[in-house]
Amino acid sequence: MDLKLLNHILANDFGVDPDALDQALQDIAVYGGSLGTNLLELGLVEEDVLLKALAKRYGTPGFDLRTLEVEQSALAAIPPNLIRKHKVLPLHVKGKTLELLMVNPLDRVALAEVGMASGCIIKPYVVVEARLEVLLEQYAGVARGWRYRENPIDRVTQKKRGVSPANLHEAKALLSAAGHRDDVADTVVGYMLRFFKRAVLLVHRRDLMVGWRGALHRDAAGGEAEQPSLGALYLPLNKQSVFKTVVESGAPYIGALAESKTHDYFLSVFGGGYPKGCFAAPLSVRGRVVNVLYCDLGAGAEVTTPPADVMLCLQIAAEAYERLIKDRVGKESVKRP
């Protein structure tokens, strides 16, 4: 989507504060997700305003949810895998016309595949992403995940990206060239495997930690790293854990990993078995802990103070985030009068 155009519409036609839009752009650079989702999460825009802006941006009518009815015959007209793949919700079949809720009604691939599968002419309506995710779960059984973007039903093991910096110099070069938040995560986790057997980077958002990138060596000799699926890993911060300690203190932690249900669940997803010690550290941007890095040497192993290069890598990663934020805001921000 052309975010600059949507920003322009929100600011000039609906009076949304450009500073609020810049805050949402900053969060996109760090947390990902759509502009609308970030605006709603930050409480900077109402859903009805966002829907009107999306309708104007796409030249497609927004759907009035007060009239929502989902026909089973419409749901049956599209294979479930296409509903999950394209995040679309069929509403009604009228003759040879299928009414469809979409986040991006200009998605030609989605329109073509749904039209071919249903044998219908598609009449799209735009809907706010966060609202569509709720409706997809309610009517089509498509489970919501983190930020409304991930779908645990389709969760698969992460694709191996082959990012394994040999030293801090290589890690710095990769982070300096990072064009997306995923590049930052892949580099940090890949570099940590130079010092640890297990490394995972989690996203911190309000009172929740969410799995993002992780890698581990199953065998003592190392070898090729396995990248477990972490997208369904959700850790609340309302109970004591190493993650809660790091977020609240804003400082690194080196020590024992106390037995708890939170840690039990985390380790069950991420390799299993308690270590004798672990290392965890915050990755902070503009005074906010946005990620927590967790590392250990495997079940039963102790951890000592990591080399200084580990913390330097996190510092460089924070600088990479800053650059991504500046790039995003510079490209998409609304010009002030």
C-alpha atoms as a PDB file:
ATOM      1  CA  MET A   1       0.000   0.000   0.000  1.00  0.00           C
ATOM      2  CA  ASP A   2       1.073   3.603  -0.664  1.00  0.00           C
ATOM      3  CA  LEU A   3       1.241   4.727   2.964  1.00  0.00           C
ATOM      4  CA  LYS A   4       1.990   8.315   2.005  1.00  0.00           C
ATOM      5  CA  LEU A   5      -1.335   8.566   0.172  1.00  0.00           C
ATOM      6  CA  LEU A   6      -3.264   7.113   3.115  1.00  0.00           C
ATOM      7  CA  ASN A   7      -1.380   9.417   5.491  1.00  0.00           C
ATOM      8  CA  HIS A   8      -2.287  12.388   3.310  1.00  0.00           C
ATOM      9  CA  ILE A   9      -5.970  11.431   3.316  1.00  0.00           C
ATOM     10  CA  LEU A  10      -6.046  10.904   7.088  1.00  0.00           C
ATOM     11  CA  ALA A  11      -4.300  14.199   7.795  1.00  0.00           C
ATOM     12  CA  ASN A  12      -5.969  16.454   5.223  1.00  0.00           C
ATOM     13  CA  ASP A  13      -9.465  14.969   4.943  1.00  0.00           C
ATOM     14  CA  PHE A  14     -10.024  13.635   8.452  1.00  0.00           C
ATOM     15  CA  GLY A  15      -7.870  15.907  10.603  1.00  0.00           C
ATOM     16  CA  VAL A  16      -5.565  13.235  12.044  1.00  0.00           C
ATOM     17  CA  ASP A  17      -2.523  14.850  13.662  1.00  0.00           C
ATOM     18  CA  PRO A  18       0.584  14.355  11.456  1.00  0.00           C
ATOM     19  CA  ASP A  19       2.618  13.730  14.612  1.00  0.00           C
ATOM     20  CA  ALA A  20       0.296  10.825  15.426  1.00  0.00           C
ATOM     21  CA  LEU A  21       0.819   9.432  11.936  1.00  0.00           C
ATOM     22  CA  ASP A  22       4.590   9.708  12.387  1.00  0.00           C
ATOM     23  CA  GLN A  23       4.315   7.763  15.666  1.00  0.00           C
ATOM     24  CA  ALA A  24       2.484   4.988  13.833  1.00  0.00           C
ATOM     25  CA  LEU A  25       5.152   4.966  11.107  1.00  0.00           C
ATOM     26  CA  GLN A  26       7.825   4.594  13.773  1.00  0.00           C
ATOM     27  CA  ASP A  27       5.989   1.609  15.224  1.00  0.00           C
ATOM     28  CA  ILE A  28       5.682  -0.002  11.775  1.00  0.00           C
ATOM     29  CA  ALA A  29       9.473   0.146  11.434  1.00  0.00           C
ATOM     30  CA  VAL A  30       9.977  -1.547  14.810  1.00  0.00           C
ATOM     31  CA  TYR A  31       6.930  -3.793  15.217  1.00  0.00           C
ATOM     32  CA  GLY A  32       5.698  -4.322  11.661  1.00  0.00           C
ATOM     33  CA  GLY A  33       1.990  -4.452  10.876  1.00  0.00           C
ATOM     34  CA  SER A  34      -0.170  -2.090   8.842  1.00  0.00           C
ATOM     35  CA  LEU A  35      -0.588   1.636   9.360  1.00  0.00           C
ATOM     36  CA  GLY A  36      -4.199   1.166  10.415  1.00  0.00           C
ATOM     37  CA  THR A  37      -3.391  -1.515  12.978  1.00  0.00           C
ATOM     38  CA  ASN A  38      -0.666   0.630  14.523  1.00  0.00           C
ATOM     39  CA  LEU A  39      -2.917   3.690  14.649  1.00  0.00           C
ATOM     40  CA  LEU A  40      -5.675   1.725  16.369  1.00  0.00           C
ATOM     41  CA  GLU A  41      -3.253   0.133  18.847  1.00  0.00           C
ATOM     42  CA  LEU A  42      -1.905   3.544  19.773  1.00  0.00           C
ATOM     43  CA  GLY A  43      -5.432   4.906  20.167  1.00  0.00           C
ATOM     44  CA  LEU A  44      -4.716   7.647  17.625  1.00  0.00           C
ATOM     45  CA  VAL A  45      -7.691   7.130  15.320  1.00  0.00           C
ATOM     46  CA  GLU A  46     -11.217   5.719  15.537  1.00  0.00           C
ATOM     47  CA  GLU A  47     -12.186   2.688  13.466  1.00  0.00           C
ATOM     48  CA  ASP A  48     -14.915   4.524  11.538  1.00  0.00           C
ATOM     49  CA  VAL A  49     -12.499   7.293  10.547  1.00  0.00           C
ATOM     50  CA  LEU A  50      -9.910   4.760   9.414  1.00  0.00           C
ATOM     51  CA  LEU A  51     -12.527   2.896   7.367  1.00  0.00           C
ATOM     52  CA  LYS A  52     -13.624   6.074   5.592  1.00  0.00           C
ATOM     53  CA  ALA A  53     -10.007   6.921   4.813  1.00  0.00           C
ATOM     54  CA  LEU A  54      -9.338   3.430   3.447  1.00  0.00           C
ATOM     55  CA  ALA A  55     -12.463   3.621   1.287  1.00  0.00           C
ATOM     56  CA  LYS A  56     -11.291   6.917  -0.198  1.00  0.00           C
ATOM     57  CA  ARG A  57      -7.744   5.660  -0.684  1.00  0.00           C
ATOM     58  CA  TYR A  58      -8.911   2.569  -2.610  1.00  0.00           C
ATOM     59  CA  GLY A  59     -11.950   4.060  -4.304  1.00  0.00           C
ATOM     60  CA  THR A  60     -13.918   1.123  -2.922  1.00  0.00           C
ATOM     61  CA  PRO A  61     -16.904   1.315  -0.547  1.00  0.00           C
ATOM     62  CA  GLY A  62     -16.335   0.532   3.095  1.00  0.00           C
ATOM     63  CA  PHE A  63     -18.631  -2.107   4.506  1.00  0.00           C
ATOM     64  CA  ASP A  64     -21.271  -1.079   7.039  1.00  0.00           C
ATOM     65  CA  LEU A  65     -20.803  -3.698   9.750  1.00  0.00           C
ATOM     66  CA  ARG A  66     -24.256  -2.935  11.160  1.00  0.00           C
ATOM     67  CA  THR A  67     -25.682  -4.834   8.185  1.00  0.00           C
ATOM     68  CA  LEU A  68     -23.258  -7.762   8.443  1.00  0.00           C
ATOM     69  CA  GLU A  69     -24.639 -11.157   7.448  1.00  0.00           C
ATOM     70  CA  VAL A  70     -22.400 -14.000   6.332  1.00  0.00           C
ATOM     71  CA  GLU A  71     -24.079 -16.655   4.218  1.00  0.00           C
ATOM     72  CA  GLN A  72     -22.852 -20.227   4.509  1.00  0.00           C
ATOM     73  CA  SER A  73     -23.261 -20.607   0.756  1.00  0.00           C
ATOM     74  CA  ALA A  74     -20.793 -17.739   0.279  1.00  0.00           C
ATOM     75  CA  LEU A  75     -18.277 -19.303   2.676  1.00  0.00           C
ATOM     76  CA  ALA A  76     -18.635 -22.603   0.850  1.00  0.00           C
ATOM     77  CA  ALA A  77     -17.891 -20.923  -2.481  1.00  0.00           C
ATOM     78  CA  ILE A  78     -14.220 -20.344  -1.592  1.00  0.00           C
ATOM     79  CA  PRO A  79     -11.775 -23.030  -0.399  1.00  0.00           C
ATOM     80  CA  PRO A  80     -10.644 -22.393   3.211  1.00  0.00           C
ATOM     81  CA  ASN A  81      -7.013 -22.222   2.154  1.00  0.00           C
ATOM     82  CA  LEU A  82      -7.765 -19.208  -0.058  1.00  0.00           C
ATOM     83  CA  ILE A  83      -9.654 -17.471   2.742  1.00  0.00           C
ATOM     84  CA  ARG A  84      -6.596 -17.921   4.992  1.00  0.00           C
ATOM     85  CA  LYS A  85      -4.085 -17.071   2.279  1.00  0.00           C
ATOM     86  CA  HIS A  86      -5.668 -13.814   1.167  1.00  0.00           C
ATOM     87  CA  LYS A  87      -7.481 -12.879   4.401  1.00  0.00           C
ATOM     88  CA  VAL A  88     -10.843 -12.372   2.698  1.00  0.00           C
ATOM     89  CA  LEU A  89     -14.351 -13.016   3.994  1.00  0.00           C
ATOM     90  CA  PRO A  90     -17.151 -13.902   1.527  1.00  0.00           C
ATOM     91  CA  LEU A  91     -20.501 -12.428   2.510  1.00  0.00           C
ATOM     92  CA  HIS A  92     -23.195 -13.057  -0.111  1.00  0.00           C
ATOM     93  CA  VAL A  93     -23.652 -14.686  -3.487  1.00  0.00           C
ATOM     94  CA  LYS A  94     -26.140 -12.835  -5.651  1.00  0.00           C
ATOM     95  CA  GLY A  95     -26.472 -14.558  -8.992  1.00  0.00           C
ATOM     96  CA  LYS A  96     -22.945 -14.571 -10.353  1.00  0.00           C
ATOM     97  CA  THR A  97     -21.667 -11.855  -7.995  1.00  0.00           C
ATOM     98  CA  LEU A  98     -19.793 -12.610  -4.760  1.00  0.00           C
ATOM     99  CA  GLU A  99     -19.548  -9.846  -2.161  1.00  0.00           C
ATOM    100  CA  LEU A 100     -16.190  -9.976  -0.413  1.00  0.00           C
ATOM    101  CA  LEU A 101     -14.603  -8.207   2.565  1.00  0.00           C
ATOM    102  CA  MET A 102     -10.928  -7.354   1.992  1.00  0.00           C
ATOM    103  CA  VAL A 103      -8.211  -5.217   3.530  1.00  0.00           C
ATOM    104  CA  ASN A 104      -6.804  -4.402   0.090  1.00  0.00           C
ATOM    105  CA  PRO A 105      -9.529  -4.440  -2.573  1.00  0.00           C
ATOM    106  CA  LEU A 106      -6.912  -3.669  -5.243  1.00  0.00           C
ATOM    107  CA  ASP A 107      -5.102  -6.963  -4.663  1.00  0.00           C
ATOM    108  CA  ARG A 108      -5.373  -8.360  -8.183  1.00  0.00           C
ATOM    109  CA  VAL A 109      -3.932 -11.753  -7.296  1.00  0.00           C
ATOM    110  CA  ALA A 110      -6.488 -12.271  -4.521  1.00  0.00           C
ATOM    111  CA  LEU A 111      -9.356 -11.090  -6.722  1.00  0.00           C
ATOM    112  CA  ALA A 112      -8.291 -13.369  -9.571  1.00  0.00           C
ATOM    113  CA  GLU A 113      -7.791 -16.485  -7.436  1.00  0.00           C
ATOM    114  CA  VAL A 114     -11.029 -16.023  -5.482  1.00  0.00           C
ATOM    115  CA  GLY A 115     -12.947 -15.257  -8.669  1.00  0.00           C
ATOM    116  CA  MET A 116     -11.584 -18.340 -10.407  1.00  0.00           C
ATOM    117  CA  ALA A 117     -12.278 -20.600  -7.425  1.00  0.00           C
ATOM    118  CA  SER A 118     -15.832 -19.344  -6.933  1.00  0.00           C
ATOM    119  CA  GLY A 119     -16.745 -18.834 -10.576  1.00  0.00           C
ATOM    120  CA  CYS A 120     -18.139 -15.435  -9.629  1.00  0.00           C
ATOM    121  CA  ILE A 121     -17.553 -11.783 -10.347  1.00  0.00           C
ATOM    122  CA  ILE A 122     -16.081 -10.288  -7.194  1.00  0.00           C
ATOM    123  CA  LYS A 123     -17.602  -7.184  -5.623  1.00  0.00           C
ATOM    124  CA  PRO A 124     -15.079  -6.104  -2.969  1.00  0.00           C
ATOM    125  CA  TYR A 125     -15.675  -4.015   0.131  1.00  0.00           C
ATOM    126  CA  VAL A 126     -12.823  -2.589   2.169  1.00  0.00           C
ATOM    127  CA  VAL A 127     -12.689  -3.247   5.908  1.00  0.00           C
ATOM    128  CA  VAL A 128     -10.248  -2.346   8.676  1.00  0.00           C
ATOM    129  CA  GLU A 129      -7.635  -5.078   9.081  1.00  0.00           C
ATOM    130  CA  ALA A 130      -8.144  -5.548  12.829  1.00  0.00           C
ATOM    131  CA  ARG A 131     -11.911  -5.896  12.353  1.00  0.00           C
ATOM    132  CA  LEU A 132     -11.508  -8.390   9.514  1.00  0.00           C
ATOM    133  CA  GLU A 133      -9.282 -10.594  11.651  1.00  0.00           C
ATOM    134  CA  VAL A 134     -12.015 -10.790  14.283  1.00  0.00           C
ATOM    135  CA  LEU A 135     -14.619 -11.647  11.662  1.00  0.00           C
ATOM    136  CA  LEU A 136     -12.414 -14.270  10.017  1.00  0.00           C
ATOM    137  CA  GLU A 137     -11.987 -16.000  13.360  1.00  0.00           C
ATOM    138  CA  GLN A 138     -15.705 -15.796  14.120  1.00  0.00           C
ATOM    139  CA  TYR A 139     -17.065 -16.968  10.772  1.00  0.00           C
ATOM    140  CA  ALA A 140     -14.268 -18.875   9.045  1.00  0.00           C
ATOM    141  CA  GLY A 141     -12.248 -20.326  11.923  1.00  0.00           C
ATOM    142  CA  VAL A 142      -9.083 -18.438  10.955  1.00  0.00           C
ATOM    143  CA  ALA A 143      -7.263 -17.995  14.240  1.00  0.00           C
ATOM    144  CA  ARG A 144      -5.975 -14.559  15.085  1.00  0.00           C
ATOM    145  CA  GLY A 145      -2.354 -14.151  16.019  1.00  0.00           C
ATOM    146  CA  TRP A 146       0.057 -11.445  17.036  1.00  0.00           C
ATOM    147  CA  ARG A 147      -0.822  -8.035  15.623  1.00  0.00           C
ATOM    148  CA  TYR A 148      -3.563  -9.679  13.539  1.00  0.00           C
ATOM    149  CA  ARG A 149      -0.833 -10.565  11.019  1.00  0.00           C
ATOM    150  CA  GLU A 150       0.193 -14.121  11.923  1.00  0.00           C
ATOM    151  CA  ASN A 151      -2.048 -17.153  11.491  1.00  0.00           C
ATOM    152  CA  PRO A 152      -1.184 -20.055  13.845  1.00  0.00           C
ATOM    153  CA  ILE A 153      -3.180 -22.469  11.635  1.00  0.00           C
ATOM    154  CA  ASP A 154      -0.629 -21.991   8.879  1.00  0.00           C
ATOM    155  CA  ARG A 155       2.394 -21.850  11.180  1.00  0.00           C
ATOM    156  CA  VAL A 156       5.444 -23.563   9.757  1.00  0.00           C
ATOM    157  CA  THR A 157       9.061 -23.757  10.770  1.00  0.00           C
ATOM    158  CA  GLN A 158      10.904 -20.590   9.869  1.00  0.00           C
ATOM    159  CA  LYS A 159      12.737 -20.676   6.580  1.00  0.00           C
ATOM    160  CA  LYS A 160      16.467 -20.791   7.030  1.00  0.00           C
ATOM    161  CA  ARG A 161      17.840 -17.440   6.015  1.00  0.00           C
ATOM    162  CA  GLY A 162      21.529 -18.349   6.240  1.00  0.00           C
ATOM    163  CA  VAL A 163      22.487 -15.281   8.282  1.00  0.00           C
ATOM    164  CA  SER A 164      25.459 -16.241  10.409  1.00  0.00           C
ATOM    165  CA  PRO A 165      27.946 -13.396  10.922  1.00  0.00           C
ATOM    166  CA  ALA A 166      31.422 -14.698  11.718  1.00  0.00           C
ATOM    167  CA  ASN A 167      32.363 -11.658  13.801  1.00  0.00           C
ATOM    168  CA  LEU A 168      31.106  -8.297  15.010  1.00  0.00           C
ATOM    169  CA  HIS A 169      32.429  -6.576  11.890  1.00  0.00           C
ATOM    170  CA  GLU A 170      30.220  -8.757   9.674  1.00  0.00           C
ATOM    171  CA  ALA A 171      27.256  -8.327  11.996  1.00  0.00           C
ATOM    172  CA  LYS A 172      27.676  -4.545  11.903  1.00  0.00           C
ATOM    173  CA  ALA A 173      27.841  -4.566   8.096  1.00  0.00           C
ATOM    174  CA  LEU A 174      24.616  -6.599   7.882  1.00  0.00           C
ATOM    175  CA  LEU A 175      22.815  -4.406  10.399  1.00  0.00           C
ATOM    176  CA  SER A 176      23.977  -1.248   8.642  1.00  0.00           C
ATOM    177  CA  ALA A 177      22.506  -2.582   5.404  1.00  0.00           C
ATOM    178  CA  ALA A 178      19.265  -3.879   6.967  1.00  0.00           C
ATOM    179  CA  GLY A 179      16.232  -2.777   4.988  1.00  0.00           C
ATOM    180  CA  HIS A 180      13.602  -4.376   7.223  1.00  0.00           C
ATOM    181  CA  ARG A 181      13.102  -5.295  10.856  1.00  0.00           C
ATOM    182  CA  ASP A 182      13.391  -8.992   9.932  1.00  0.00           C
ATOM    183  CA  ASP A 183      16.952  -8.349   8.728  1.00  0.00           C
ATOM    184  CA  VAL A 184      17.805  -6.950  12.147  1.00  0.00           C
ATOM    185  CA  ALA A 185      16.359  -9.981  13.934  1.00  0.00           C
ATOM    186  CA  ASP A 186      18.058 -12.520  11.660  1.00  0.00           C
ATOM    187  CA  THR A 187      21.442 -10.881  12.118  1.00  0.00           C
ATOM    188  CA  VAL A 188      21.202 -10.588  15.904  1.00  0.00           C
ATOM    189  CA  VAL A 189      20.061 -14.193  16.395  1.00  0.00           C
ATOM    190  CA  GLY A 190      22.596 -15.536  13.889  1.00  0.00           C
ATOM    191  CA  TYR A 191      25.443 -13.708  15.585  1.00  0.00           C
ATOM    192  CA  MET A 192      24.427 -14.910  19.058  1.00  0.00           C
ATOM    193  CA  LEU A 193      24.969 -18.507  17.971  1.00  0.00           C
ATOM    194  CA  ARG A 194      28.687 -17.693  17.941  1.00  0.00           C
ATOM    195  CA  PHE A 195      28.494 -17.572  21.726  1.00  0.00           C
ATOM    196  CA  PHE A 196      25.415 -19.569  22.725  1.00  0.00           C
ATOM    197  CA  LYS A 197      23.650 -22.804  21.847  1.00  0.00           C
ATOM    198  CA  ARG A 198      20.144 -21.303  21.958  1.00  0.00           C
ATOM    199  CA  ALA A 199      19.147 -17.737  21.072  1.00  0.00           C
ATOM    200  CA  VAL A 200      15.737 -16.157  20.633  1.00  0.00           C
ATOM    201  CA  LEU A 201      14.529 -12.618  20.044  1.00  0.00           C
ATOM    202  CA  LEU A 202      11.070 -11.776  21.358  1.00  0.00           C
ATOM    203  CA  VAL A 203       8.862  -8.748  20.721  1.00  0.00           C
ATOM    204  CA  HIS A 204       7.720  -6.719  23.715  1.00  0.00           C
ATOM    205  CA  ARG A 205       4.344  -5.055  23.310  1.00  0.00           C
ATOM    206  CA  ARG A 206       2.613  -3.663  26.385  1.00  0.00           C
ATOM    207  CA  ASP A 207       2.032  -6.598  28.772  1.00  0.00           C
ATOM    208  CA  LEU A 208       3.047  -9.369  26.379  1.00  0.00           C
ATOM    209  CA  MET A 209       6.158 -11.029  24.976  1.00  0.00           C
ATOM    210  CA  VAL A 210       5.757 -12.647  21.558  1.00  0.00           C
ATOM    211  CA  GLY A 211       8.143 -15.083  19.875  1.00  0.00           C
ATOM    212  CA  TRP A 212       9.817 -13.701  16.749  1.00  0.00           C
ATOM    213  CA  ARG A 213      13.155 -15.191  15.702  1.00  0.00           C
ATOM    214  CA  GLY A 214      15.046 -18.071  17.264  1.00  0.00           C
ATOM    215  CA  ALA A 215      17.746 -20.622  16.518  1.00  0.00           C
ATOM    216  CA  LEU A 216      19.366 -23.495  18.366  1.00  0.00           C
ATOM    217  CA  HIS A 217      21.973 -26.198  18.021  1.00  0.00           C
ATOM    218  CA  ARG A 218      20.535 -29.589  19.011  1.00  0.00           C
ATOM    219  CA  ASP A 219      23.916 -31.338  19.118  1.00  0.00           C
ATOM    220  CA  ALA A 220      26.937 -30.448  21.198  1.00  0.00           C
ATOM    221  CA  ALA A 221      29.133 -30.047  18.120  1.00  0.00           C
ATOM    222  CA  GLY A 222      26.968 -27.257  16.755  1.00  0.00           C
ATOM    223  CA  GLY A 223      26.413 -27.835  13.067  1.00  0.00           C
ATOM    224  CA  GLU A 224      23.559 -26.281  11.134  1.00  0.00           C
ATOM    225  CA  ALA A 225      21.218 -24.306  13.346  1.00  0.00           C
ATOM    226  CA  GLU A 226      17.568 -25.287  13.651  1.00  0.00           C
ATOM    227  CA  GLN A 227      15.027 -22.485  13.540  1.00  0.00           C
ATOM    228  CA  PRO A 228      11.942 -23.498  15.532  1.00  0.00           C
ATOM    229  CA  SER A 229       8.513 -22.012  14.958  1.00  0.00           C
ATOM    230  CA  LEU A 230       8.001 -19.273  17.538  1.00  0.00           C
ATOM    231  CA  GLY A 231       5.034 -17.373  16.114  1.00  0.00           C
ATOM    232  CA  ALA A 232       2.568 -19.053  18.480  1.00  0.00           C
ATOM    233  CA  LEU A 233       4.732 -18.249  21.535  1.00  0.00           C
ATOM    234  CA  TYR A 234       2.916 -15.730  23.753  1.00  0.00           C
ATOM    235  CA  LEU A 235       4.241 -14.952  27.243  1.00  0.00           C
ATOM    236  CA  PRO A 236       2.193 -12.626  29.488  1.00  0.00           C
ATOM    237  CA  LEU A 237       4.155 -10.268  31.715  1.00  0.00           C
ATOM    238  CA  ASN A 238       1.697 -10.340  34.609  1.00  0.00           C
ATOM    239  CA  LYS A 239       3.714 -13.096  36.308  1.00  0.00           C
ATOM    240  CA  GLN A 240       7.348 -13.154  37.333  1.00  0.00           C
ATOM    241  CA  SER A 241       9.772 -14.303  34.652  1.00  0.00           C
ATOM    242  CA  VAL A 242      13.198 -13.447  33.286  1.00  0.00           C
ATOM    243  CA  PHE A 243      11.420 -11.488  30.547  1.00  0.00           C
ATOM    244  CA  LYS A 244       9.454  -9.419  33.057  1.00  0.00           C
ATOM    245  CA  THR A 245      12.695  -8.718  34.966  1.00  0.00           C
ATOM    246  CA  VAL A 246      14.488  -7.462  31.845  1.00  0.00           C
ATOM    247  CA  VAL A 247      11.555  -5.338  30.649  1.00  0.00           C
ATOM    248  CA  GLU A 248      11.018  -3.696  34.035  1.00  0.00           C
ATOM    249  CA  SER A 249      14.706  -3.104  34.775  1.00  0.00           C
ATOM    250  CA  GLY A 250      15.752  -2.245  31.228  1.00  0.00           C
ATOM    251  CA  ALA A 251      19.014  -4.015  32.018  1.00  0.00           C
ATOM    252  CA  PRO A 252      20.676  -7.339  31.103  1.00  0.00           C
ATOM    253  CA  TYR A 253      20.158 -10.389  33.279  1.00  0.00           C
ATOM    254  CA  ILE A 254      22.685 -13.181  33.899  1.00  0.00           C
ATOM    255  CA  GLY A 255      21.723 -15.948  36.292  1.00  0.00           C
ATOM    256  CA  ALA A 256      19.474 -18.877  37.006  1.00  0.00           C
ATOM    257  CA  LEU A 257      16.218 -19.473  35.170  1.00  0.00           C
ATOM    258  CA  ALA A 258      13.745 -20.179  37.965  1.00  0.00           C
ATOM    259  CA  GLU A 259      11.276 -22.975  37.383  1.00  0.00           C
ATOM    260  CA  SER A 260       7.829 -21.604  36.568  1.00  0.00           C
ATOM    261  CA  LYS A 261       4.920 -22.248  34.228  1.00  0.00           C
ATOM    262  CA  THR A 262       6.010 -19.346  32.032  1.00  0.00           C
ATOM    263  CA  HIS A 263       9.537 -20.695  31.683  1.00  0.00           C
ATOM    264  CA  ASP A 264       8.225 -24.262  31.267  1.00  0.00           C
ATOM    265  CA  TYR A 265       6.149 -23.159  28.309  1.00  0.00           C
ATOM    266  CA  PHE A 266       8.907 -21.055  26.799  1.00  0.00           C
ATOM    267  CA  LEU A 267      11.425 -23.894  26.957  1.00  0.00           C
ATOM    268  CA  SER A 268       8.939 -26.462  25.641  1.00  0.00           C
ATOM    269  CA  VAL A 269       8.620 -24.383  22.462  1.00  0.00           C
ATOM    270  CA  PHE A 270      12.268 -23.486  22.341  1.00  0.00           C
ATOM    271  CA  GLY A 271      14.244 -26.701  22.689  1.00  0.00           C
ATOM    272  CA  GLY A 272      13.216 -28.043  26.115  1.00  0.00           C
ATOM    273  CA  GLY A 273      15.243 -28.505  29.294  1.00  0.00           C
ATOM    274  CA  TYR A 274      16.229 -25.948  31.916  1.00  0.00           C
ATOM    275  CA  PRO A 275      19.725 -24.468  31.753  1.00  0.00           C
ATOM    276  CA  LYS A 276      21.678 -23.789  34.941  1.00  0.00           C
ATOM    277  CA  GLY A 277      22.008 -20.202  33.814  1.00  0.00           C
ATOM    278  CA  CYS A 278      20.869 -17.873  31.059  1.00  0.00           C
ATOM    279  CA  PHE A 279      21.549 -14.459  29.572  1.00  0.00           C
ATOM    280  CA  ALA A 280      18.774 -12.042  28.660  1.00  0.00           C
ATOM    281  CA  ALA A 281      19.024  -8.434  27.556  1.00  0.00           C
ATOM    282  CA  PRO A 282      16.763  -5.635  26.329  1.00  0.00           C
ATOM    283  CA  LEU A 283      16.920  -4.070  22.892  1.00  0.00           C
ATOM    284  CA  SER A 284      15.685  -0.551  23.483  1.00  0.00           C
ATOM    285  CA  VAL A 285      14.693   2.124  20.978  1.00  0.00           C
ATOM    286  CA  ARG A 286      13.890   5.691  22.006  1.00  0.00           C
ATOM    287  CA  GLY A 287      13.547   4.706  25.636  1.00  0.00           C
ATOM    288  CA  ARG A 288      11.255   1.717  24.981  1.00  0.00           C
ATOM    289  CA  VAL A 289      12.175  -1.948  25.348  1.00  0.00           C
ATOM    290  CA  VAL A 290      10.991  -3.275  21.988  1.00  0.00           C
ATOM    291  CA  ASN A 291      12.713  -6.681  22.078  1.00  0.00           C
ATOM    292  CA  VAL A 292      14.205  -9.043  24.618  1.00  0.00           C
ATOM    293  CA  LEU A 293      17.083 -11.312  23.626  1.00  0.00           C
ATOM    294  CA  TYR A 294      17.290 -14.642  25.470  1.00  0.00           C
ATOM    295  CA  CYS A 295      20.332 -16.938  25.194  1.00  0.00           C
ATOM    296  CA  ASP A 296      21.712 -20.017  26.950  1.00  0.00           C
ATOM    297  CA  LEU A 297      24.082 -22.911  26.384  1.00  0.00           C
ATOM    298  CA  GLY A 298      21.437 -25.623  26.510  1.00  0.00           C
ATOM    299  CA  ALA A 299      19.812 -27.793  29.155  1.00  0.00           C
ATOM    300  CA  GLY A 300      21.917 -28.172  32.291  1.00  0.00           C
ATOM    301  CA  ALA A 301      24.604 -25.717  31.161  1.00  0.00           C
ATOM    302  CA  GLU A 302      25.846 -22.678  33.030  1.00  0.00           C
ATOM    303  CA  VAL A 303      26.272 -19.235  31.457  1.00  0.00           C
ATOM    304  CA  THR A 304      29.021 -16.778  32.344  1.00  0.00           C
ATOM    305  CA  THR A 305      29.288 -13.106  31.453  1.00  0.00           C
ATOM    306  CA  PRO A 306      29.112 -12.890  27.640  1.00  0.00           C
ATOM    307  CA  PRO A 307      31.770 -11.082  25.602  1.00  0.00           C
ATOM    308  CA  ALA A 308      31.418  -7.322  25.190  1.00  0.00           C
ATOM    309  CA  ASP A 309      30.664  -7.888  21.497  1.00  0.00           C
ATOM    310  CA  VAL A 310      27.264  -9.300  22.448  1.00  0.00           C
ATOM    311  CA  MET A 311      26.102  -6.013  23.968  1.00  0.00           C
ATOM    312  CA  LEU A 312      27.773  -4.059  21.182  1.00  0.00           C
ATOM    313  CA  CYS A 313      25.732  -6.044  18.671  1.00  0.00           C
ATOM    314  CA  LEU A 314      22.518  -5.070  20.463  1.00  0.00           C
ATOM    315  CA  GLN A 315      23.609  -1.441  20.474  1.00  0.00           C
ATOM    316  CA  ILE A 316      24.235  -1.573  16.724  1.00  0.00           C
ATOM    317  CA  ALA A 317      20.851  -3.285  16.240  1.00  0.00           C
ATOM    318  CA  ALA A 318      19.174  -0.402  18.095  1.00  0.00           C
ATOM    319  CA  GLU A 319      20.949   2.011  15.748  1.00  0.00           C
ATOM    320  CA  ALA A 320      19.646  -0.005  12.784  1.00  0.00           C
ATOM    321  CA  TYR A 321      16.103   0.388  14.135  1.00  0.00           C
ATOM    322  CA  GLU A 322      16.662   4.139  14.408  1.00  0.00           C
ATOM    323  CA  ARG A 323      17.708   4.281  10.775  1.00  0.00           C
ATOM    324  CA  LEU A 324      14.688   2.229   9.701  1.00  0.00           C
ATOM    325  CA  ILE A 325      12.417   4.603  11.614  1.00  0.00           C
ATOM    326  CA  LYS A 326      13.978   7.678  10.002  1.00  0.00           C
ATOM    327  CA  ASP A 327      13.756   6.092   6.560  1.00  0.00           C
ATOM    328  CA  ARG A 328      10.103   5.138   7.051  1.00  0.00           C
ATOM    329  CA  VAL A 329       9.053   8.522   8.422  1.00  0.00           C
ATOM    330  CA  GLY A 330      11.094  10.344   5.780  1.00  0.00           C
ATOM    331  CA  LYS A 331       9.400   8.479   2.938  1.00  0.00           C
ATOM    332  CA  GLU A 332       5.835   8.301   4.205  1.00  0.00           C
ATOM    333  CA  SER A 333       5.380  11.303   6.501  1.00  0.00           C
ATOM    334  CA  VAL A 334       2.839  13.993   5.636  1.00  0.00           C
ATOM    335  CA  LYS A 335       4.409  17.362   4.871  1.00  0.00           C
ATOM    336  CA  ARG A 336       3.503  20.053   7.366  1.00  0.00           C
ATOM    337  CA  PRO A 337       2.127  23.322   6.016  1.00  0.00           C
END
